Amino acid sequence: MTKPTALKSGIKEVTFGKNVKYVEPVNLYGCKIGNDCFIGPFVEIQKDVTIGDKTRIQSHSFICELVSIGKNCFIGHGVMFINDTFSIGGPACGNKSLWRKTTIGNNVSIGSNATILPVSICDHTVIGAGSVVIKDIERPGIYAGNPARFLKSSE
């Protein structure tokens, strides 16, 4: 029998703003975290991700490459961001040219266990728990469901 290779989670090449707090274990690498952010345990944030000031990311969330999250956002427990849309009928298998970006505006709250495909979500938006966002959201408000649909204005 061969012995498996153990890889360790940790923090590598991260740019941290002031007053950032995180709860271990986390897996953060090549990303930029703004001022006054909080990152819960069992979170992975991949390279080239930007997290805006005063954003909170709860436990067990996954933020893949090509994601930008604005200021004053809340990312609930177990939120998954996706950058591969399986545009060739299966996974891109490391072909980053097939990946797509996600942009989250400022003052956005995303409920627990939501899945966010490569989209743009405007400022002042709430995404309900368990929702699946498959299209850009250009109108502030409250969205929920699979796929996520506009429910009402947040004003």
Protein backbone atom coordinates (compact mmCIF):
# COMPACT_ATOMS: atom_id res chain seq x y z
CA MET A 1 0.00 0.00 0.00
CA THR A 2 1.16 3.50 -0.75
CA LYS A 3 0.79 6.26 1.76
CA PRO A 4 -1.46 9.16 0.70
CA THR A 5 -0.15 12.70 0.52
CA ALA A 6 -1.49 14.94 3.27
CA LEU A 7 -1.97 18.59 2.34
CA LYS A 8 -2.41 21.15 5.10
CA SER A 9 -4.87 23.98 5.10
CA GLY A 10 -3.55 27.33 6.12
CA ILE A 11 -2.88 30.91 5.12
CA LYS A 12 -0.53 31.74 2.24
CA GLU A 13 0.16 35.01 0.45
CA VAL A 14 -2.90 36.85 1.80
CA THR A 15 -3.17 40.63 1.98
CA PHE A 16 -5.04 41.48 5.18
CA GLY A 17 -6.56 44.85 6.01
CA LYS A 18 -6.69 46.19 9.56
CA ASN A 19 -8.64 44.45 12.34
CA VAL A 20 -9.39 41.25 10.43
CA LYS A 21 -10.51 38.30 12.55
CA TYR A 22 -10.68 34.67 11.47
CA VAL A 23 -11.44 31.43 13.25
CA GLU A 24 -9.20 28.47 12.49
CA PRO A 25 -9.08 26.27 10.57
CA VAL A 26 -9.32 28.30 7.37
CA ASN A 27 -7.78 27.88 3.94
CA LEU A 28 -6.90 31.32 2.54
CA TYR A 29 -4.44 31.82 -0.27
CA GLY A 30 -3.57 34.57 -2.72
CA CYS A 31 -6.60 36.67 -1.77
CA LYS A 32 -7.17 40.19 -0.47
CA ILE A 33 -9.25 40.72 2.68
CA GLY A 34 -10.38 44.28 3.52
CA ASN A 35 -10.46 46.10 6.85
CA ASP A 36 -12.64 44.95 9.75
CA CYS A 37 -13.64 41.64 8.13
CA PHE A 38 -14.60 38.43 9.91
CA ILE A 39 -14.03 34.93 8.50
CA GLY A 40 -15.51 31.92 10.26
CA PRO A 41 -14.01 28.44 10.53
CA PHE A 42 -13.80 25.96 7.67
CA VAL A 43 -13.86 28.72 5.04
CA GLU A 44 -11.83 28.52 1.85
CA ILE A 45 -11.02 31.68 -0.08
CA GLN A 46 -8.98 31.09 -3.22
CA LYS A 47 -6.45 33.24 -5.04
CA ASP A 48 -7.39 36.49 -6.75
CA VAL A 49 -10.53 36.89 -4.61
CA THR A 50 -11.19 40.33 -3.14
CA ILE A 51 -13.28 40.81 0.00
CA GLY A 52 -14.42 44.37 0.81
CA ASP A 53 -14.22 46.15 4.15
CA LYS A 54 -16.56 45.12 6.99
CA THR A 55 -17.70 41.93 5.27
CA ARG A 56 -18.54 38.83 7.34
CA ILE A 57 -18.11 35.32 5.97
CA GLN A 58 -19.67 32.61 8.09
CA SER A 59 -18.40 29.03 8.51
CA HIS A 60 -18.14 26.39 5.80
CA SER A 61 -18.32 28.83 2.88
CA PHE A 62 -16.31 28.39 -0.33
CA ILE A 63 -15.23 31.40 -2.38
CA CYS A 64 -13.48 30.34 -5.58
CA GLU A 65 -11.19 32.27 -7.91
CA LEU A 66 -12.67 35.15 -9.91
CA VAL A 67 -15.02 36.33 -7.12
CA SER A 68 -15.16 39.89 -5.85
CA ILE A 69 -17.31 40.73 -2.81
CA GLY A 70 -18.07 44.34 -1.90
CA LYS A 71 -18.13 46.22 1.40
CA ASN A 72 -20.53 45.58 4.30
CA CYS A 73 -21.65 42.20 2.98
CA PHE A 74 -22.80 39.14 4.87
CA ILE A 75 -22.09 35.66 3.52
CA GLY A 76 -24.04 33.03 5.47
CA HIS A 77 -22.96 29.56 6.51
CA GLY A 78 -22.19 27.11 3.72
CA VAL A 79 -22.49 29.54 0.81
CA MET A 80 -20.87 28.15 -2.34
CA PHE A 81 -19.54 30.27 -5.20
CA ILE A 82 -19.06 28.57 -8.57
CA ASN A 83 -16.78 29.73 -11.42
CA ASP A 84 -17.11 26.73 -13.76
CA THR A 85 -20.45 26.51 -15.59
CA PHE A 86 -19.60 23.16 -17.24
CA SER A 87 -19.93 24.97 -20.59
CA ILE A 88 -18.25 22.04 -22.39
CA GLY A 89 -20.57 19.46 -20.85
CA GLY A 90 -18.32 18.68 -17.89
CA PRO A 91 -15.74 20.28 -15.61
CA ALA A 92 -13.18 22.65 -17.13
CA CYS A 93 -10.43 20.51 -15.55
CA GLY A 94 -8.16 23.44 -14.82
CA ASN A 95 -8.81 25.25 -18.11
CA LYS A 96 -9.24 28.66 -16.51
CA SER A 97 -10.25 30.26 -19.82
CA LEU A 98 -13.62 28.53 -19.34
CA TRP A 99 -14.16 29.95 -15.85
CA ARG A 100 -16.40 33.00 -15.33
CA LYS A 101 -16.27 35.78 -12.73
CA THR A 102 -18.71 36.75 -10.01
CA THR A 103 -19.15 40.28 -8.69
CA ILE A 104 -21.07 40.97 -5.49
CA GLY A 105 -21.93 44.63 -4.79
CA ASN A 106 -21.91 46.47 -1.49
CA ASN A 107 -24.41 45.81 1.32
CA VAL A 108 -25.40 42.39 0.01
CA SER A 109 -26.56 39.59 2.32
CA ILE A 110 -26.47 35.99 1.13
CA GLY A 111 -28.32 33.43 3.24
CA SER A 112 -26.94 30.10 4.38
CA ASN A 113 -26.46 27.32 1.83
CA ALA A 114 -27.04 29.57 -1.18
CA THR A 115 -25.22 28.73 -4.40
CA ILE A 116 -23.95 31.62 -6.50
CA LEU A 117 -23.07 30.89 -10.12
CA PRO A 118 -20.95 33.35 -12.15
CA VAL A 119 -23.17 36.44 -11.95
CA SER A 120 -23.20 40.06 -10.92
CA ILE A 121 -25.34 41.03 -7.91
CA CYS A 122 -26.08 44.74 -7.40
CA ASP A 123 -25.79 46.71 -4.17
CA HIS A 124 -28.47 46.42 -1.45
CA THR A 125 -29.64 42.92 -2.30
CA VAL A 126 -30.70 40.03 -0.05
CA ILE A 127 -30.44 36.43 -1.27
CA GLY A 128 -32.54 33.97 0.72
CA ALA A 129 -31.12 30.86 2.36
CA GLY A 130 -30.81 27.90 0.01
CA SER A 131 -31.29 30.01 -3.11
CA VAL A 132 -29.51 29.33 -6.38
CA VAL A 133 -28.55 32.50 -8.26
CA ILE A 134 -28.13 31.76 -11.97
CA LYS A 135 -28.67 35.22 -13.52
CA ASP A 136 -27.37 38.72 -12.90
CA ILE A 137 -29.34 40.71 -10.34
CA GLU A 138 -29.56 44.34 -11.40
CA ARG A 139 -32.46 45.54 -9.22
CA PRO A 140 -31.98 45.89 -5.44
CA GLY A 141 -34.38 43.77 -3.44
CA ILE A 142 -35.02 40.41 -1.86
CA TYR A 143 -34.56 37.27 -3.95
CA ALA A 144 -35.13 33.61 -3.08
CA GLY A 145 -35.71 30.21 -4.61
CA ASN A 146 -34.19 27.82 -7.11
CA PRO A 147 -33.64 29.63 -9.35
CA ALA A 148 -33.64 32.81 -7.29
CA ARG A 149 -36.48 35.17 -8.20
CA PHE A 150 -37.33 38.71 -7.19
CA LEU A 151 -39.75 38.73 -4.22
CA LYS A 152 -39.94 42.35 -3.17
CA SER A 153 -38.09 45.61 -2.91
CA SER A 154 -35.80 46.01 0.09
CA GLU A 155 -36.61 49.71 0.38
